[in-house]
């Protein structure tokens, strides 16, 4: 084949350090726009960014030339620096060390966008930890609870 082609659609999830609910309502729209810009600058197509006070979700189409780790690092490092400039109360902001990334088929993109858009309602009944464990189980990812949370 003369070309290298790929369609890599992923669902990225990461939390604030210790799941501290510091992403207040007034910050989130600007944060989501900032994360989308970082993703686009990393040559991702960003379909949706959303979340609640303690974590974010992104629906991204990854470029074939970058690794998941590179993209997530750019998202977290850049947004962490930006968040710290938004308020004195956020001067020590940090994301958790880890993250989750799950593959999504093109036929499921609209469902993923709907899921991300429904985060406020969804988290009235389910914690971030329970949500994340459910994703790990659904995708068959083995994990040790002792090392899951920071």
C-alpha atoms as a PDB file:
ATOM      1  CA  UNK A   1       0.000   0.000   0.000  1.00  0.00           C
ATOM      2  CA  UNK A   2       1.398   3.390  -0.943  1.00  0.00           C
ATOM      3  CA  UNK A   3      -0.265   5.232   1.962  1.00  0.00           C
ATOM      4  CA  UNK A   4      -0.473   4.677   5.700  1.00  0.00           C
ATOM      5  CA  UNK A   5      -4.084   5.158   6.732  1.00  0.00           C
ATOM      6  CA  UNK A   6      -5.772   4.943  10.106  1.00  0.00           C
ATOM      7  CA  UNK A   7      -8.983   5.779  11.912  1.00  0.00           C
ATOM      8  CA  UNK A   8      -8.211   5.740  15.627  1.00  0.00           C
ATOM      9  CA  UNK A   9     -11.166   6.879  17.704  1.00  0.00           C
ATOM     10  CA  UNK A  10     -10.625   6.937  21.469  1.00  0.00           C
ATOM     11  CA  UNK A  11     -12.385   7.862  24.690  1.00  0.00           C
ATOM     12  CA  UNK A  12      -9.912   9.502  27.097  1.00  0.00           C
ATOM     13  CA  UNK A  13     -10.701   9.851  30.808  1.00  0.00           C
ATOM     14  CA  UNK A  14      -8.645  11.408  33.593  1.00  0.00           C
ATOM     15  CA  UNK A  15      -9.344  12.858  37.013  1.00  0.00           C
ATOM     16  CA  UNK A  16      -8.094  15.622  39.223  1.00  0.00           C
ATOM     17  CA  UNK A  17      -5.546  14.539  41.826  1.00  0.00           C
ATOM     18  CA  UNK A  18      -7.326  12.682  44.631  1.00  0.00           C
ATOM     19  CA  UNK A  19     -10.549  13.303  42.686  1.00  0.00           C
ATOM     20  CA  UNK A  20     -10.789  16.717  44.313  1.00  0.00           C
ATOM     21  CA  UNK A  21     -13.847  18.535  42.869  1.00  0.00           C
ATOM     22  CA  UNK A  22     -12.061  21.739  41.854  1.00  0.00           C
ATOM     23  CA  UNK A  23     -13.311  22.051  38.266  1.00  0.00           C
ATOM     24  CA  UNK A  24     -16.163  24.387  39.134  1.00  0.00           C
ATOM     25  CA  UNK A  25     -19.037  25.251  36.797  1.00  0.00           C
ATOM     26  CA  UNK A  26     -17.536  28.632  35.886  1.00  0.00           C
ATOM     27  CA  UNK A  27     -14.205  27.060  34.834  1.00  0.00           C
ATOM     28  CA  UNK A  28     -15.358  24.002  32.907  1.00  0.00           C
ATOM     29  CA  UNK A  29     -16.539  25.559  29.599  1.00  0.00           C
ATOM     30  CA  UNK A  30     -13.230  27.382  29.158  1.00  0.00           C
ATOM     31  CA  UNK A  31     -11.293  24.275  30.229  1.00  0.00           C
ATOM     32  CA  UNK A  32     -13.136  22.128  27.691  1.00  0.00           C
ATOM     33  CA  UNK A  33     -12.404  24.655  24.951  1.00  0.00           C
ATOM     34  CA  UNK A  34      -8.760  24.747  26.007  1.00  0.00           C
ATOM     35  CA  UNK A  35      -8.476  20.937  25.978  1.00  0.00           C
ATOM     36  CA  UNK A  36     -10.083  20.831  22.523  1.00  0.00           C
ATOM     37  CA  UNK A  37      -7.511  23.351  21.277  1.00  0.00           C
ATOM     38  CA  UNK A  38      -4.633  21.335  22.744  1.00  0.00           C
ATOM     39  CA  UNK A  39      -6.029  18.221  21.055  1.00  0.00           C
ATOM     40  CA  UNK A  40      -6.341  19.977  17.699  1.00  0.00           C
ATOM     41  CA  UNK A  41      -2.793  21.344  18.040  1.00  0.00           C
ATOM     42  CA  UNK A  42      -1.674  17.735  18.556  1.00  0.00           C
ATOM     43  CA  UNK A  43      -3.361  16.862  15.243  1.00  0.00           C
ATOM     44  CA  UNK A  44      -6.331  15.150  16.882  1.00  0.00           C
ATOM     45  CA  UNK A  45      -9.884  15.667  15.766  1.00  0.00           C
ATOM     46  CA  UNK A  46     -11.782  16.541  18.929  1.00  0.00           C
ATOM     47  CA  UNK A  47     -15.439  15.530  18.806  1.00  0.00           C
ATOM     48  CA  UNK A  48     -16.346  16.354  22.407  1.00  0.00           C
ATOM     49  CA  UNK A  49     -14.903  17.344  25.780  1.00  0.00           C
ATOM     50  CA  UNK A  50     -16.952  17.193  28.960  1.00  0.00           C
ATOM     51  CA  UNK A  51     -17.013  16.051  32.530  1.00  0.00           C
ATOM     52  CA  UNK A  52     -17.812  17.182  36.025  1.00  0.00           C
ATOM     53  CA  UNK A  53     -15.954  18.800  38.929  1.00  0.00           C
ATOM     54  CA  UNK A  54     -13.465  15.955  39.421  1.00  0.00           C
ATOM     55  CA  UNK A  55     -12.724  14.530  35.956  1.00  0.00           C
ATOM     56  CA  UNK A  56     -12.902  14.988  32.201  1.00  0.00           C
ATOM     57  CA  UNK A  57     -13.797  12.878  29.173  1.00  0.00           C
ATOM     58  CA  UNK A  58     -12.630  13.478  25.604  1.00  0.00           C
ATOM     59  CA  UNK A  59     -13.759  11.870  22.351  1.00  0.00           C
ATOM     60  CA  UNK A  60     -10.795  12.100  19.988  1.00  0.00           C
ATOM     61  CA  UNK A  61      -9.668  10.839  16.637  1.00  0.00           C
ATOM     62  CA  UNK A  62      -5.949  10.276  17.062  1.00  0.00           C
ATOM     63  CA  UNK A  63      -3.361  10.943  14.382  1.00  0.00           C
ATOM     64  CA  UNK A  64      -1.588   7.819  13.195  1.00  0.00           C
ATOM     65  CA  UNK A  65       1.800   9.379  13.963  1.00  0.00           C
ATOM     66  CA  UNK A  66       1.362   9.962  17.715  1.00  0.00           C
ATOM     67  CA  UNK A  67       1.059   7.644  20.677  1.00  0.00           C
ATOM     68  CA  UNK A  68      -1.742   7.735  23.208  1.00  0.00           C
ATOM     69  CA  UNK A  69       0.802   8.552  25.913  1.00  0.00           C
ATOM     70  CA  UNK A  70       2.114  11.554  23.957  1.00  0.00           C
ATOM     71  CA  UNK A  71      -1.357  12.967  23.360  1.00  0.00           C
ATOM     72  CA  UNK A  72      -2.534  12.503  26.945  1.00  0.00           C
ATOM     73  CA  UNK A  73       0.678  14.013  28.285  1.00  0.00           C
ATOM     74  CA  UNK A  74       0.164  17.093  26.107  1.00  0.00           C
ATOM     75  CA  UNK A  75      -3.452  17.382  27.251  1.00  0.00           C
ATOM     76  CA  UNK A  76      -2.635  17.053  30.940  1.00  0.00           C
ATOM     77  CA  UNK A  77       0.566  19.115  31.097  1.00  0.00           C
ATOM     78  CA  UNK A  78      -0.755  22.004  29.043  1.00  0.00           C
ATOM     79  CA  UNK A  79      -4.158  22.158  30.728  1.00  0.00           C
ATOM     80  CA  UNK A  80      -2.638  21.866  34.205  1.00  0.00           C
ATOM     81  CA  UNK A  81      -0.469  24.913  33.537  1.00  0.00           C
ATOM     82  CA  UNK A  82      -3.476  26.782  32.140  1.00  0.00           C
ATOM     83  CA  UNK A  83      -5.734  25.873  35.085  1.00  0.00           C
ATOM     84  CA  UNK A  84      -3.154  27.185  37.566  1.00  0.00           C
ATOM     85  CA  UNK A  85      -3.397  30.623  35.930  1.00  0.00           C
ATOM     86  CA  UNK A  86      -7.171  30.833  36.260  1.00  0.00           C
ATOM     87  CA  UNK A  87      -7.488  31.446  40.003  1.00  0.00           C
ATOM     88  CA  UNK A  88      -5.285  31.687  43.097  1.00  0.00           C
ATOM     89  CA  UNK A  89      -7.257  28.764  44.567  1.00  0.00           C
ATOM     90  CA  UNK A  90      -6.016  26.602  41.665  1.00  0.00           C
ATOM     91  CA  UNK A  91      -2.318  27.459  42.040  1.00  0.00           C
ATOM     92  CA  UNK A  92      -1.504  23.913  43.196  1.00  0.00           C
ATOM     93  CA  UNK A  93      -3.805  22.118  40.765  1.00  0.00           C
ATOM     94  CA  UNK A  94      -2.774  18.689  39.499  1.00  0.00           C
ATOM     95  CA  UNK A  95      -4.306  15.913  37.459  1.00  0.00           C
ATOM     96  CA  UNK A  96      -4.037  12.332  38.668  1.00  0.00           C
ATOM     97  CA  UNK A  97      -0.908  10.535  37.416  1.00  0.00           C
ATOM     98  CA  UNK A  98      -2.748   7.969  35.311  1.00  0.00           C
ATOM     99  CA  UNK A  99      -5.551   7.966  32.773  1.00  0.00           C
ATOM    100  CA  UNK A 100      -7.829   5.660  30.870  1.00  0.00           C
ATOM    101  CA  UNK A 101      -8.101   5.392  27.103  1.00  0.00           C
ATOM    102  CA  UNK A 102     -10.616   3.128  25.428  1.00  0.00           C
ATOM    103  CA  UNK A 103     -11.078   2.376  21.748  1.00  0.00           C
ATOM    104  CA  UNK A 104     -14.400   3.265  20.163  1.00  0.00           C
ATOM    105  CA  UNK A 105     -15.796   2.155  16.831  1.00  0.00           C
ATOM    106  CA  UNK A 106     -16.992   4.821  14.395  1.00  0.00           C
ATOM    107  CA  UNK A 107     -20.569   3.551  14.707  1.00  0.00           C
ATOM    108  CA  UNK A 108     -20.431   4.323  18.454  1.00  0.00           C
ATOM    109  CA  UNK A 109     -19.215   7.926  18.168  1.00  0.00           C
ATOM    110  CA  UNK A 110     -22.657   9.502  18.611  1.00  0.00           C
ATOM    111  CA  UNK A 111     -23.318   7.349  21.678  1.00  0.00           C
ATOM    112  CA  UNK A 112     -19.981   8.447  23.143  1.00  0.00           C
ATOM    113  CA  UNK A 113     -20.772  12.104  22.495  1.00  0.00           C
ATOM    114  CA  UNK A 114     -24.138  11.634  24.202  1.00  0.00           C
ATOM    115  CA  UNK A 115     -22.453   9.921  27.140  1.00  0.00           C
ATOM    116  CA  UNK A 116     -19.993  12.788  27.555  1.00  0.00           C
ATOM    117  CA  UNK A 117     -22.786  15.363  27.243  1.00  0.00           C
ATOM    118  CA  UNK A 118     -24.739  13.539  29.981  1.00  0.00           C
ATOM    119  CA  UNK A 119     -22.016  13.610  32.618  1.00  0.00           C
ATOM    120  CA  UNK A 120     -23.804  15.999  34.991  1.00  0.00           C
ATOM    121  CA  UNK A 121     -26.888  13.778  35.140  1.00  0.00           C
ATOM    122  CA  UNK A 122     -24.887  10.551  35.135  1.00  0.00           C
ATOM    123  CA  UNK A 123     -22.813  11.560  38.162  1.00  0.00           C
ATOM    124  CA  UNK A 124     -25.801  12.342  40.320  1.00  0.00           C
ATOM    125  CA  UNK A 125     -25.996   8.565  40.786  1.00  0.00           C
ATOM    126  CA  UNK A 126     -22.479   7.243  40.191  1.00  0.00           C
ATOM    127  CA  UNK A 127     -19.036   8.251  41.452  1.00  0.00           C
ATOM    128  CA  UNK A 128     -16.057   8.675  39.173  1.00  0.00           C
ATOM    129  CA  UNK A 129     -14.446   5.589  40.706  1.00  0.00           C
ATOM    130  CA  UNK A 130     -17.492   3.425  39.965  1.00  0.00           C
ATOM    131  CA  UNK A 131     -17.744   4.823  36.442  1.00  0.00           C
ATOM    132  CA  UNK A 132     -14.069   4.147  35.744  1.00  0.00           C
ATOM    133  CA  UNK A 133     -14.212   0.619  37.186  1.00  0.00           C
ATOM    134  CA  UNK A 134     -17.190  -0.079  34.908  1.00  0.00           C
ATOM    135  CA  UNK A 135     -15.165   0.999  31.845  1.00  0.00           C
ATOM    136  CA  UNK A 136     -12.264  -1.208  32.893  1.00  0.00           C
ATOM    137  CA  UNK A 137     -14.561  -4.185  33.323  1.00  0.00           C
ATOM    138  CA  UNK A 138     -16.423  -3.534  30.062  1.00  0.00           C
ATOM    139  CA  UNK A 139     -13.135  -3.443  28.144  1.00  0.00           C
ATOM    140  CA  UNK A 140     -11.614  -6.400  30.001  1.00  0.00           C
ATOM    141  CA  UNK A 141      -8.791  -4.369  31.523  1.00  0.00           C
ATOM    142  CA  UNK A 142      -7.259  -6.078  34.540  1.00  0.00           C
ATOM    143  CA  UNK A 143      -6.474  -3.762  37.429  1.00  0.00           C
ATOM    144  CA  UNK A 144      -5.379  -3.788  41.049  1.00  0.00           C
ATOM    145  CA  UNK A 145      -7.508  -1.522  43.219  1.00  0.00           C
ATOM    146  CA  UNK A 146      -4.498  -0.752  45.439  1.00  0.00           C
ATOM    147  CA  UNK A 147      -2.851   1.158  42.584  1.00  0.00           C
ATOM    148  CA  UNK A 148      -5.855   2.782  40.970  1.00  0.00           C
ATOM    149  CA  UNK A 149      -6.283   6.087  42.716  1.00  0.00           C
ATOM    150  CA  UNK A 150      -4.064   9.060  43.472  1.00  0.00           C
END
